[in-house]
Amino acid sequence: MSSSRVPRHRIAPSALRLGILAIALGATGCTTPADSTPPREAVDVLITGGLVFDGHDTPGRAADVALSADRIVAVGDDLAGRYQAARTVDASGKIVAPGFIDPHTHPERYIRSADKDERRNLPWLHQGVSTVFIGIDGGGSPKVADDRAWFEANGVGTNIAAYVGFGPVRRAVLGEDARAPDESELARMRGLVAQAMCEGAFGLSTGLFYTPQSYASTDEVVALATEAARRGGIYDTHQRDESSYSMGLLGSVEEVLEIGRRAGMPVHIAHIKALGSDVHGKAADVIARIERAQVEGQKVTADQYPWLASGTALGAALLPGWAVDGGRAALLDRLDDAATAARIRTGMQANLVRRGGAEALLLTGRGWPWTGKTLAAVAREWTLDPVDAALRIITSESDRDAHRVASFNMDRRDVDTFMRQPWVLTASDGTDGHPRQYATYPEKYAQFVVRDQVISLQDYIHRATGLVATTMQLRERGFLEPGHYADVVVFDPEQFAPRATYTEPAQLSAGVDYLFVNGTAMIDQGQPAHAWAGRVLQHQPPAGTCP
């Protein structure tokens, strides 16, 4: 990964000079007698002299930004002449933008920590992220109100928006079983989704690649999605197949679109990709199908992380779905039967080929004997076949962290093609053991904006701010506009860079000088503040759809 300094000329020096000139004119221009000067309005913070991108798909401009309490008061020229600030932040030579909004995250270890300092959520703050979406991949608790109360009582550093997850809903009624619900069970599941939406969930999230969600039929998913749709929600999905595991990538995209059509709601494809050699080069086909649906009137968007390696669990990557029907105990029982174990190994071998082989799987769980080694290296060390080495890890440790793996299975041309689409947002999918948790936003900036110029700086900021807010139905966030919440990032275009790597993934990123969350400086002169300014954001269902 590149960590090189970013040349100043990349950010329109003429615009920066305009900001500097405005400050100079304000300092040296003509004055009027003191007794005729109107009093200046008091504000808490005045950010001056930066190149401001306001979250819309428009070029940056030299401007100042005024903040009071938790709101943006003004954005414009020479605000020092109109406002008296308790604090002035000199953003000369810096980029000023709305705080980034990450629509797909796994920050649970931080935001739910018993350690209050960890609940500041530093991996995201140091990337300029002020709001994170949780409950993704179908993992969100249906107890949305209880979750909100916990965060409000304990404090958190970033804003949080939550989905209700298909996984916990299904487990609450069917456990880990690979079967369809009966009529009464489906009614209970629908009720859990409806209640979560009425408590503020932004939509229904699914992870149909993962058990037990993968056991559900399309009809079952549509039934639950309809409850979210009635209350104005989004259908967010880790689709059933990003490769060739079951119905195939294109077949899976068709299912996503069908669910959205039948439920009558917008659909959002999480971490869009073509995973594995079987589907490399299929990005154009996926895009064509989505754009046809858009022309037909369907609302379809996606998000993407700027990495060539995905992150998942070793078992999810390699084990056949049928092998884990009933959970871990059932898997271990099946492995005790020689004939069944042979079938499992055969399925794992096929999945290993899909993943690019044992050399393409880097074990990333923290603090294990195999951490930082490829599955191939561990197999050689243990003098085992890679499939048997994988089974040793899966069966010897129940801790999910022990099974984390980075899977190098994407083609750069597909990544670039997806990234250029105007309906593709930026997301981290940040998970423990993968550098995307600490470095997604500076990585995309350094590699895809500055070095390779796949997208422009304007695109980069829009896809991390205003476009996310509009897509995810966030009110009064994602734009630098008077009256909106004061979520603002100031970063240095020469210093904004990733430090995390695949072998050292837990390294904080560099280059964010300030990050205001609801008007509080959570990053202040490059250092994290001891503050917990985040709030739990709530979706508002249409009138009459909730008790």
Protein backbone atom coordinates (compact mmCIF):
# COMPACT_ATOMS: atom_id res chain seq x y z
CA MET A 1 0.00 0.00 0.00
CA SER A 2 1.13 3.49 -0.72
CA SER A 3 1.90 5.83 2.15
CA SER A 4 3.63 8.45 0.06
CA ARG A 5 3.05 12.14 0.58
CA VAL A 6 0.40 13.67 -1.63
CA PRO A 7 1.58 16.52 -3.85
CA ARG A 8 -0.07 19.83 -3.04
CA HIS A 9 -0.92 20.41 -6.69
CA ARG A 10 -3.43 17.58 -6.55
CA ILE A 11 -5.96 19.79 -4.75
CA ALA A 12 -6.22 22.83 -6.99
CA PRO A 13 -3.69 25.28 -5.53
CA SER A 14 -5.52 28.15 -7.18
CA ALA A 15 -8.51 27.43 -4.98
CA LEU A 16 -6.28 27.25 -1.92
CA ARG A 17 -4.67 30.58 -2.85
CA LEU A 18 -8.14 32.12 -3.06
CA GLY A 19 -8.78 31.03 0.52
CA ILE A 20 -5.46 32.45 1.66
CA LEU A 21 -6.11 35.68 -0.25
CA ALA A 22 -9.52 36.02 1.37
CA ILE A 23 -7.94 35.79 4.80
CA ALA A 24 -5.25 38.31 3.85
CA LEU A 25 -7.80 40.80 2.53
CA GLY A 26 -9.86 40.37 5.65
CA ALA A 27 -6.80 41.14 7.77
CA THR A 28 -5.47 44.15 5.81
CA GLY A 29 -8.49 45.66 4.05
CA CYS A 30 -10.22 48.91 4.81
CA THR A 31 -11.91 49.36 8.17
CA THR A 32 -14.77 51.50 9.39
CA PRO A 33 -14.98 53.40 12.64
CA ALA A 34 -15.49 51.06 15.60
CA ASP A 35 -18.74 52.71 16.67
CA SER A 36 -20.32 51.99 13.24
CA THR A 37 -19.24 48.34 13.00
CA PRO A 38 -22.17 45.97 13.61
CA PRO A 39 -21.52 43.43 16.38
CA ARG A 40 -20.41 40.02 15.22
CA GLU A 41 -22.47 36.96 16.10
CA ALA A 42 -20.79 34.63 18.57
CA VAL A 43 -19.97 31.09 17.42
CA ASP A 44 -18.03 28.27 19.02
CA VAL A 45 -15.68 27.35 16.16
CA LEU A 46 -14.62 29.05 12.97
CA ILE A 47 -12.72 26.92 10.43
CA THR A 48 -10.94 29.28 8.06
CA GLY A 49 -8.95 29.15 4.83
CA GLY A 50 -9.60 25.56 3.76
CA LEU A 51 -10.66 24.04 0.46
CA VAL A 52 -14.26 23.13 1.25
CA PHE A 53 -16.13 20.22 -0.33
CA ASP A 54 -19.69 20.46 0.92
CA GLY A 55 -20.81 16.87 0.24
CA HIS A 56 -22.58 17.60 -3.02
CA ASP A 57 -21.12 16.36 -6.29
CA THR A 58 -19.49 19.75 -6.89
CA PRO A 59 -15.91 21.08 -6.92
CA GLY A 60 -14.22 22.33 -3.78
CA ARG A 61 -14.04 26.05 -3.08
CA ALA A 62 -12.16 28.32 -0.71
CA ALA A 63 -14.52 29.03 2.19
CA ASP A 64 -14.90 29.20 5.94
CA VAL A 65 -17.21 27.13 8.14
CA ALA A 66 -18.81 28.33 11.38
CA LEU A 67 -20.08 25.96 14.08
CA SER A 68 -22.15 26.55 17.20
CA ALA A 69 -23.11 23.84 19.65
CA ASP A 70 -23.96 20.81 17.50
CA ARG A 71 -24.87 22.66 14.28
CA ILE A 72 -23.30 24.31 11.27
CA VAL A 73 -24.12 28.02 11.34
CA ALA A 74 -22.65 29.21 8.04
CA VAL A 75 -20.44 28.26 5.11
CA GLY A 76 -19.01 31.12 3.05
CA ASP A 77 -16.35 33.70 2.41
CA ASP A 78 -14.66 35.80 5.10
CA LEU A 79 -16.83 34.58 7.95
CA ALA A 80 -14.37 36.13 10.41
CA GLY A 81 -15.90 39.45 9.45
CA ARG A 82 -19.35 38.25 10.49
CA TYR A 83 -18.71 35.96 13.43
CA GLN A 84 -16.77 36.18 16.71
CA ALA A 85 -15.42 32.70 17.38
CA ALA A 86 -14.43 31.23 20.72
CA ARG A 87 -11.96 29.15 18.74
CA THR A 88 -10.51 29.54 15.25
CA VAL A 89 -9.08 26.58 13.33
CA ASP A 90 -6.66 27.55 10.56
CA ALA A 91 -7.33 25.09 7.72
CA SER A 92 -5.00 26.73 5.19
CA GLY A 93 -3.71 24.10 2.78
CA LYS A 94 -6.20 21.56 4.17
CA ILE A 95 -9.38 19.96 2.88
CA VAL A 96 -12.60 20.58 4.80
CA ALA A 97 -15.52 18.20 4.25
CA PRO A 98 -18.47 16.61 6.02
CA GLY A 99 -17.43 13.82 8.37
CA PHE A 100 -17.28 10.59 6.40
CA ILE A 101 -20.21 8.19 6.78
CA ASP A 102 -19.31 4.50 6.71
CA PRO A 103 -22.36 2.46 5.65
CA HIS A 104 -20.90 -0.98 6.46
CA THR A 105 -18.85 -1.58 9.61
CA HIS A 106 -17.96 -4.15 12.26
CA PRO A 107 -16.78 -1.95 15.18
CA GLU A 108 -18.36 -3.99 17.99
CA ARG A 109 -15.07 -4.64 19.83
CA TYR A 110 -14.66 -0.87 20.19
CA ILE A 111 -18.12 0.58 20.55
CA ARG A 112 -19.26 -2.08 23.04
CA SER A 113 -16.03 -2.25 25.04
CA ALA A 114 -16.04 -2.02 28.83
CA ASP A 115 -13.14 0.42 28.36
CA LYS A 116 -14.65 3.85 27.81
CA ASP A 117 -11.58 5.04 25.89
CA GLU A 118 -12.06 2.24 23.36
CA ARG A 119 -15.67 3.33 22.87
CA ARG A 120 -14.36 6.46 21.19
CA ASN A 121 -13.96 4.17 18.15
CA LEU A 122 -10.49 5.45 17.23
CA PRO A 123 -9.90 3.31 14.11
CA TRP A 124 -12.76 5.15 12.41
CA LEU A 125 -12.15 8.60 13.94
CA HIS A 126 -8.59 8.67 12.61
CA GLN A 127 -9.93 8.05 9.11
CA GLY A 128 -12.27 11.03 9.33
CA VAL A 129 -15.41 8.93 9.90
CA SER A 130 -18.06 10.53 12.08
CA THR A 131 -20.95 8.05 11.53
CA VAL A 132 -20.97 4.26 11.23
CA PHE A 133 -23.74 1.84 10.27
CA ILE A 134 -23.88 -1.35 12.35
CA GLY A 135 -25.95 -4.52 12.28
CA ILE A 136 -24.85 -5.30 8.75
CA ASP A 137 -24.41 -8.72 7.06
CA GLY A 138 -27.67 -9.64 8.76
CA GLY A 139 -26.14 -9.32 12.23
CA GLY A 140 -28.15 -6.51 13.83
CA SER A 141 -30.07 -7.10 17.05
CA PRO A 142 -33.86 -6.67 16.78
CA LYS A 143 -33.73 -5.00 20.23
CA VAL A 144 -32.96 -1.61 18.74
CA ALA A 145 -34.39 0.47 21.60
CA ASP A 146 -32.41 -1.47 24.22
CA ASP A 147 -29.24 -1.04 22.17
CA ARG A 148 -29.84 2.69 21.83
CA ALA A 149 -30.39 3.04 25.58
CA TRP A 150 -27.09 1.26 26.28
CA PHE A 151 -25.10 3.54 23.99
CA GLU A 152 -26.77 6.65 25.39
CA ALA A 153 -25.93 5.53 28.93
CA ASN A 154 -22.35 4.50 28.23
CA GLY A 155 -21.18 6.91 25.52
CA VAL A 156 -19.62 6.38 22.10
CA GLY A 157 -17.28 8.44 19.93
CA THR A 158 -18.96 8.18 16.53
CA ASN A 159 -22.59 8.45 15.54
CA ILE A 160 -24.27 5.07 15.10
CA ALA A 161 -27.08 3.99 12.79
CA ALA A 162 -28.39 0.42 13.01
CA TYR A 163 -30.09 -2.18 10.86
CA VAL A 164 -32.19 -5.04 12.16
CA GLY A 165 -30.44 -8.24 11.13
CA PHE A 166 -31.99 -11.31 9.54
CA GLY A 167 -29.56 -13.58 11.43
CA PRO A 168 -30.66 -12.78 15.02
CA VAL A 169 -34.30 -12.70 13.93
CA ARG A 170 -34.07 -16.16 12.38
CA ARG A 171 -32.06 -17.58 15.29
CA ALA A 172 -34.60 -16.28 17.79
CA VAL A 173 -37.28 -18.40 16.15
CA LEU A 174 -35.53 -21.27 14.31
CA GLY A 175 -32.11 -21.51 15.95
CA GLU A 176 -29.43 -22.86 13.59
CA ASP A 177 -31.77 -25.23 11.75
CA ALA A 178 -31.79 -25.58 7.98
CA ARG A 179 -35.53 -25.54 7.54
CA ALA A 180 -38.34 -23.23 6.54
CA PRO A 181 -40.50 -21.55 9.20
CA ASP A 182 -44.11 -22.53 9.55
CA GLU A 183 -46.83 -19.90 9.40
CA SER A 184 -46.71 -18.99 13.09
CA GLU A 185 -42.90 -18.88 13.13
CA LEU A 186 -42.82 -16.62 10.10
CA ALA A 187 -45.33 -14.33 11.82
CA ARG A 188 -43.05 -14.09 14.86
CA MET A 189 -40.08 -13.23 12.65
CA ARG A 190 -42.07 -10.58 10.83
CA GLY A 191 -43.12 -9.12 14.15
CA LEU A 192 -39.49 -8.81 15.31
CA VAL A 193 -38.58 -6.92 12.14
CA ALA A 194 -41.60 -4.62 12.43
CA GLN A 195 -40.82 -3.83 16.06
CA ALA A 196 -37.16 -3.07 15.28
CA MET A 197 -38.17 -0.72 12.47
CA CYS A 198 -40.56 1.09 14.80
CA GLU A 199 -37.70 1.46 17.29
CA GLY A 200 -35.52 3.25 14.74
CA ALA A 201 -33.76 0.66 12.55
CA PHE A 202 -32.89 1.97 9.09
CA GLY A 203 -33.88 -1.23 7.34
CA LEU A 204 -33.38 -4.97 7.13
CA SER A 205 -29.87 -6.33 6.65
CA THR A 206 -29.15 -9.86 5.45
CA GLY A 207 -26.04 -11.97 5.06
CA LEU A 208 -27.43 -14.77 2.91
CA PHE A 209 -23.97 -16.22 2.34
CA TYR A 210 -23.73 -17.10 6.05
CA THR A 211 -25.51 -19.84 7.97
CA PRO A 212 -28.22 -19.98 9.20
CA GLN A 213 -29.36 -17.13 6.92
CA SER A 214 -28.29 -19.12 3.86
CA TYR A 215 -30.95 -21.71 4.71
CA ALA A 216 -33.72 -19.19 3.99
CA SER A 217 -35.63 -19.16 0.73
CA THR A 218 -36.14 -15.99 -1.27
CA ASP A 219 -39.82 -16.04 -0.24
CA GLU A 220 -38.85 -16.03 3.45
CA VAL A 221 -36.54 -13.04 2.96
CA VAL A 222 -39.21 -11.16 1.00
CA ALA A 223 -41.73 -11.71 3.81
CA LEU A 224 -39.41 -10.04 6.34
CA ALA A 225 -38.22 -7.36 3.95
CA THR A 226 -41.83 -6.35 3.36
CA GLU A 227 -42.14 -5.41 7.04
CA ALA A 228 -39.15 -3.10 6.72
CA ALA A 229 -40.46 -1.70 3.43
CA ARG A 230 -43.81 -0.76 4.98
CA ARG A 231 -41.91 1.39 7.44
CA GLY A 232 -39.72 3.12 4.88
CA GLY A 233 -36.64 0.95 5.29
CA ILE A 234 -33.76 -0.12 3.06
CA TYR A 235 -32.86 -3.69 2.12
CA ASP A 236 -29.11 -4.01 2.70
CA THR A 237 -27.50 -7.31 1.79
CA HIS A 238 -24.35 -9.33 1.74
CA GLN A 239 -25.79 -11.22 -1.18
CA ARG A 240 -26.09 -14.99 -1.25
CA ASP A 241 -23.20 -15.57 -3.64
CA GLU A 242 -20.40 -13.21 -4.69
CA SER A 243 -18.64 -16.03 -6.52
CA SER A 244 -19.75 -19.49 -7.64
CA TYR A 245 -20.62 -21.14 -4.33
CA SER A 246 -24.33 -21.69 -4.95
CA MET A 247 -26.45 -19.72 -7.44
CA GLY A 248 -23.48 -17.78 -8.79
CA LEU A 249 -22.73 -14.06 -8.79
CA LEU A 250 -25.19 -13.05 -11.50
CA GLY A 251 -27.92 -15.31 -10.14
CA SER A 252 -27.40 -13.77 -6.72
CA VAL A 253 -27.73 -10.24 -8.12
CA GLU A 254 -31.02 -11.32 -9.70
CA GLU A 255 -32.23 -12.50 -6.28
CA VAL A 256 -31.30 -9.15 -4.69
CA LEU A 257 -33.31 -7.31 -7.34
CA GLU A 258 -36.25 -9.69 -6.99
CA ILE A 259 -36.38 -9.15 -3.23
CA GLY A 260 -36.40 -5.38 -3.71
CA ARG A 261 -39.12 -5.53 -6.40
CA ARG A 262 -41.41 -7.84 -4.47
CA ALA A 263 -40.96 -6.03 -1.16
CA GLY A 264 -41.23 -2.61 -2.80
CA MET A 265 -38.10 -1.04 -1.31
CA PRO A 266 -34.64 0.29 -2.23
CA VAL A 267 -31.89 -2.33 -2.30
CA HIS A 268 -28.27 -1.80 -1.36
CA ILE A 269 -25.59 -4.39 -2.17
CA ALA A 270 -22.86 -4.48 0.46
CA HIS A 271 -19.16 -4.66 -0.53
CA ILE A 272 -19.93 -5.33 -4.19
CA LYS A 273 -17.29 -7.52 -5.81
CA ALA A 274 -16.51 -10.44 -8.13
CA LEU A 275 -14.90 -12.87 -5.69
CA GLY A 276 -12.63 -15.60 -7.01
CA SER A 277 -11.16 -16.62 -10.33
CA ASP A 278 -14.46 -18.17 -11.49
CA VAL A 279 -16.05 -14.71 -11.76
CA HIS A 280 -13.14 -12.36 -12.44
CA GLY A 281 -14.11 -10.01 -15.25
CA LYS A 282 -17.84 -10.16 -14.42
CA ALA A 283 -18.07 -6.61 -13.02
CA ALA A 284 -19.39 -5.26 -16.32
CA ASP A 285 -22.17 -7.88 -16.40
CA VAL A 286 -23.21 -7.06 -12.84
CA ILE A 287 -23.24 -3.34 -13.59
CA ALA A 288 -25.30 -3.83 -16.75
CA ARG A 289 -27.94 -5.81 -14.85
CA ILE A 290 -28.16 -3.24 -12.06
CA GLU A 291 -28.38 -0.34 -14.46
CA ARG A 292 -31.19 -2.05 -16.35
CA ALA A 293 -33.10 -2.33 -13.09
CA GLN A 294 -32.44 1.35 -12.39
CA VAL A 295 -33.82 2.31 -15.80
CA GLU A 296 -36.91 0.24 -14.98
CA GLY A 297 -37.44 2.38 -11.90
CA GLN A 298 -35.81 0.32 -9.16
CA LYS A 299 -33.62 2.03 -6.55
CA VAL A 300 -30.36 0.06 -6.48
CA THR A 301 -27.06 1.13 -4.92
CA ALA A 302 -23.94 -0.57 -3.59
CA ASP A 303 -20.87 0.07 -1.49
CA GLN A 304 -17.28 -1.07 -1.93
CA TYR A 305 -13.99 -1.20 -0.06
CA PRO A 306 -10.71 -0.43 -1.89
CA TRP A 307 -8.87 -3.68 -1.16
CA LEU A 308 -8.08 -6.79 -3.20
CA ALA A 309 -8.53 -9.11 -0.22
CA SER A 310 -11.86 -9.76 1.43
CA GLY A 311 -12.16 -10.70 5.08
CA THR A 312 -14.23 -13.48 6.57
CA ALA A 313 -13.99 -16.59 8.74
CA LEU A 314 -12.05 -19.63 7.57
CA GLY A 315 -15.11 -21.83 7.92
CA ALA A 316 -17.33 -19.43 5.98
CA ALA A 317 -14.75 -19.39 3.18
CA LEU A 318 -14.17 -23.14 2.97
CA LEU A 319 -16.84 -25.26 4.66
CA PRO A 320 -19.85 -26.41 2.60
CA GLY A 321 -23.01 -24.82 3.95
CA TRP A 322 -24.69 -28.14 4.69
CA ALA A 323 -21.82 -29.13 6.97
CA VAL A 324 -22.70 -26.51 9.59
CA ASP A 325 -26.47 -27.11 9.68
CA GLY A 326 -27.25 -27.11 13.40
CA GLY A 327 -24.12 -25.21 14.44
CA ARG A 328 -20.62 -26.07 15.64
CA ALA A 329 -21.59 -29.15 17.63
CA ALA A 330 -23.29 -30.66 14.59
CA LEU A 331 -20.22 -29.94 12.45
CA LEU A 332 -17.95 -31.74 14.93
CA ASP A 333 -20.30 -34.74 14.96
CA ARG A 334 -20.21 -34.91 11.15
CA LEU A 335 -16.42 -34.82 11.15
CA ASP A 336 -16.39 -37.83 13.48
CA ASP A 337 -18.04 -39.89 10.73
CA ALA A 338 -15.43 -40.93 8.17
CA ALA A 339 -17.71 -40.88 5.13
CA THR A 340 -19.26 -37.52 6.00
CA ALA A 341 -15.85 -36.05 6.81
CA ALA A 342 -14.63 -37.11 3.36
CA ARG A 343 -17.56 -35.27 1.76
CA ILE A 344 -16.74 -32.17 3.80
CA ARG A 345 -13.09 -32.29 2.70
CA THR A 346 -14.13 -32.62 -0.94
CA GLY A 347 -16.35 -29.56 -0.67
CA MET A 348 -13.61 -27.63 1.11
CA GLN A 349 -11.12 -28.43 -1.61
CA ALA A 350 -13.46 -27.01 -4.26
CA ASN A 351 -13.96 -23.86 -2.18
CA LEU A 352 -10.21 -23.52 -1.66
CA VAL A 353 -9.78 -23.43 -5.44
CA ARG A 354 -12.49 -20.72 -5.65
CA ARG A 355 -10.53 -18.70 -3.10
CA GLY A 356 -7.34 -18.88 -5.14
CA GLY A 357 -5.58 -21.62 -3.18
CA ALA A 358 -3.94 -21.84 0.23
CA GLU A 359 -1.34 -19.16 -0.61
CA ALA A 360 -4.17 -16.65 -1.07
CA LEU A 361 -5.56 -17.11 2.46
CA LEU A 362 -3.80 -15.04 5.13
CA LEU A 363 -4.76 -15.91 8.71
CA THR A 364 -5.42 -12.66 10.54
CA GLY A 365 -6.92 -13.43 13.97
CA ARG A 366 -4.96 -11.63 16.68
CA GLY A 367 -2.48 -13.47 18.90
CA TRP A 368 -2.72 -17.03 17.55
CA PRO A 369 0.24 -19.24 16.55
CA TRP A 370 -0.83 -18.94 12.90
CA THR A 371 -1.42 -15.18 12.91
CA GLY A 372 0.18 -13.47 9.91
CA LYS A 373 0.82 -16.73 8.05
CA THR A 374 -0.85 -18.07 4.95
CA LEU A 375 -2.81 -21.29 5.17
CA ALA A 376 -0.18 -22.78 2.85
CA ALA A 377 2.63 -21.86 5.26
CA VAL A 378 0.75 -23.29 8.24
CA ALA A 379 0.06 -26.50 6.31
CA ARG A 380 3.76 -26.87 5.52
CA GLU A 381 4.69 -26.18 9.13
CA TRP A 382 2.27 -28.85 10.34
CA THR A 383 3.05 -31.21 7.44
CA LEU A 384 -0.64 -31.37 6.56
CA ASP A 385 -2.76 -30.90 3.49
CA PRO A 386 -4.15 -27.30 3.51
CA VAL A 387 -7.71 -28.55 3.98
CA ASP A 388 -6.68 -30.58 7.02
CA ALA A 389 -4.73 -27.62 8.39
CA ALA A 390 -7.87 -25.49 8.03
CA LEU A 391 -9.94 -28.13 9.81
CA ARG A 392 -7.43 -28.25 12.68
CA ILE A 393 -7.87 -24.50 13.20
CA ILE A 394 -11.66 -24.61 12.83
CA THR A 395 -12.13 -27.54 15.22
CA SER A 396 -9.50 -26.72 17.84
CA GLU A 397 -10.68 -23.20 18.65
CA SER A 398 -14.26 -22.01 19.18
CA ASP A 399 -13.18 -18.37 19.37
CA ARG A 400 -14.32 -16.77 16.10
CA ASP A 401 -11.29 -14.47 16.11
CA ALA A 402 -9.05 -17.52 15.70
CA HIS A 403 -10.68 -18.21 12.33
CA ARG A 404 -10.31 -14.74 10.76
CA VAL A 405 -8.80 -14.77 7.28
CA ALA A 406 -7.96 -12.26 4.56
CA SER A 407 -8.72 -13.82 1.20
CA PHE A 408 -6.86 -12.39 -1.80
CA ASN A 409 -9.46 -13.15 -4.42
CA MET A 410 -10.33 -10.00 -6.38
CA ASP A 411 -9.09 -8.67 -9.70
CA ARG A 412 -7.97 -5.03 -9.72
CA ARG A 413 -9.79 -4.35 -13.00
CA ASP A 414 -13.11 -5.37 -11.44
CA VAL A 415 -12.41 -3.20 -8.38
CA ASP A 416 -11.71 -0.16 -10.61
CA THR A 417 -14.79 -0.80 -12.73
CA PHE A 418 -17.14 -0.96 -9.75
CA MET A 419 -15.51 2.08 -8.16
CA ARG A 420 -16.24 4.31 -11.15
CA GLN A 421 -20.00 3.74 -11.00
CA PRO A 422 -21.88 6.81 -9.70
CA TRP A 423 -24.10 4.68 -7.44
CA VAL A 424 -21.22 2.96 -5.59
CA LEU A 425 -20.44 4.37 -2.12
CA THR A 426 -17.30 3.93 -0.04
CA ALA A 427 -17.48 1.53 2.93
CA SER A 428 -14.87 -0.18 5.07
CA ASP A 429 -16.47 -3.48 6.09
CA GLY A 430 -13.95 -2.95 8.88
CA THR A 431 -13.22 -6.16 10.77
CA ASP A 432 -10.55 -7.17 13.27
CA GLY A 433 -7.39 -8.44 11.61
CA HIS A 434 -7.90 -6.68 8.27
CA PRO A 435 -6.36 -3.26 7.48
CA ARG A 436 -9.67 -2.01 6.12
CA GLN A 437 -10.79 -1.48 9.73
CA TYR A 438 -8.11 1.16 10.27
CA ALA A 439 -7.28 2.45 6.81
CA THR A 440 -10.05 2.23 4.19
CA TYR A 441 -10.62 5.94 3.60
CA PRO A 442 -6.94 7.01 3.40
CA GLU A 443 -6.18 3.89 1.35
CA LYS A 444 -8.79 4.82 -1.25
CA TYR A 445 -7.54 8.40 -1.30
CA ALA A 446 -3.84 7.53 -1.61
CA GLN A 447 -4.20 4.67 -4.11
CA PHE A 448 -7.27 5.42 -6.19
CA VAL A 449 -7.47 9.22 -6.11
CA VAL A 450 -3.88 10.43 -5.95
CA ARG A 451 -1.71 7.64 -7.34
CA ASP A 452 -3.90 5.96 -9.97
CA GLN A 453 -6.59 8.64 -10.50
CA VAL A 454 -9.40 6.09 -10.83
CA ILE A 455 -11.82 8.66 -9.39
CA SER A 456 -11.49 12.37 -8.65
CA LEU A 457 -11.19 14.02 -5.25
CA GLN A 458 -14.67 15.44 -5.78
CA ASP A 459 -16.06 11.93 -6.41
CA TYR A 460 -14.15 10.55 -3.45
CA ILE A 461 -15.66 13.00 -0.97
CA HIS A 462 -19.19 12.86 -2.42
CA ARG A 463 -19.24 9.04 -2.19
CA ALA A 464 -18.15 9.16 1.45
CA THR A 465 -20.51 11.94 2.56
CA GLY A 466 -23.56 13.39 0.81
CA LEU A 467 -24.26 10.41 -1.42
CA VAL A 468 -24.19 8.09 1.60
CA ALA A 469 -26.50 10.34 3.61
CA THR A 470 -28.99 10.56 0.75
CA THR A 471 -28.89 6.82 0.02
CA MET A 472 -29.23 5.80 3.65
CA GLN A 473 -31.89 8.41 4.47
CA LEU A 474 -29.86 10.28 7.07
CA ARG A 475 -31.40 13.62 7.91
CA GLU A 476 -29.30 16.79 8.26
CA ARG A 477 -25.99 14.99 7.90
CA GLY A 478 -23.53 14.39 5.08
CA PHE A 479 -23.48 18.00 3.84
CA LEU A 480 -21.85 21.23 5.02
CA GLU A 481 -24.99 23.34 5.09
CA PRO A 482 -26.39 25.79 7.66
CA GLY A 483 -28.66 23.98 10.09
CA HIS A 484 -27.08 20.57 9.53
CA TYR A 485 -25.29 18.75 12.33
CA ALA A 486 -21.68 19.78 12.81
CA ASP A 487 -19.92 16.62 11.62
CA VAL A 488 -16.83 18.07 9.92
CA VAL A 489 -13.42 16.67 8.98
CA VAL A 490 -10.27 18.69 8.26
CA PHE A 491 -7.50 16.63 6.71
CA ASP A 492 -4.07 17.33 5.25
CA PRO A 493 -3.92 16.25 1.59
CA GLU A 494 -0.17 15.72 1.85
CA GLN A 495 -0.33 13.57 4.99
CA PHE A 496 -3.63 11.67 4.69
CA ALA A 497 -2.40 8.10 4.31
CA PRO A 498 -2.87 4.55 5.60
CA ARG A 499 -0.46 2.98 8.05
CA ALA A 500 -2.19 -0.38 8.50
CA THR A 501 -1.01 -3.35 6.47
CA TYR A 502 -2.14 -6.96 6.16
CA THR A 503 0.58 -8.06 8.59
CA GLU A 504 0.15 -5.07 10.93
CA PRO A 505 -3.54 -4.22 10.54
CA ALA A 506 -4.11 -2.30 13.78
CA GLN A 507 -2.22 0.90 12.90
CA LEU A 508 -4.06 4.21 13.12
CA SER A 509 -4.17 6.26 9.92
CA ALA A 510 -2.45 9.62 9.52
CA GLY A 511 -3.47 13.02 8.24
CA VAL A 512 -6.77 13.89 9.97
CA ASP A 513 -6.10 17.14 11.83
CA TYR A 514 -9.62 17.71 13.14
CA LEU A 515 -12.82 15.73 13.24
CA PHE A 516 -15.90 17.33 14.78
CA VAL A 517 -18.77 15.03 15.73
CA ASN A 518 -21.92 16.95 16.64
CA GLY A 519 -19.73 20.00 17.15
CA THR A 520 -17.23 18.33 19.50
CA ALA A 521 -13.63 17.93 18.35
CA MET A 522 -13.09 14.16 18.59
CA ILE A 523 -9.77 14.57 16.75
CA ASP A 524 -8.03 17.79 17.76
CA GLN A 525 -4.73 18.80 16.14
CA GLY A 526 -4.26 15.18 15.11
CA GLN A 527 -4.87 13.76 18.59
CA PRO A 528 -7.96 11.96 19.90
CA ALA A 529 -9.97 13.87 22.48
CA HIS A 530 -11.31 12.31 25.66
CA ALA A 531 -14.88 12.84 24.61
CA TRP A 532 -17.85 10.72 23.59
CA ALA A 533 -19.85 12.92 21.25
CA GLY A 534 -21.53 10.25 19.13
CA ARG A 535 -25.27 9.80 19.03
CA VAL A 536 -27.58 6.96 18.06
CA LEU A 537 -29.38 8.02 14.90
CA GLN A 538 -32.95 6.87 14.32
CA HIS A 539 -34.94 6.19 11.20
CA GLN A 540 -38.42 7.72 11.30
CA PRO A 541 -41.10 5.36 9.91
CA PRO A 542 -43.98 6.94 7.98
CA ALA A 543 -46.95 8.04 10.04
CA GLY A 544 -49.44 5.32 10.77
CA THR A 545 -47.03 2.40 10.25
CA CYS A 546 -46.18 1.88 13.93
CA PRO A 547 -48.30 1.58 17.08
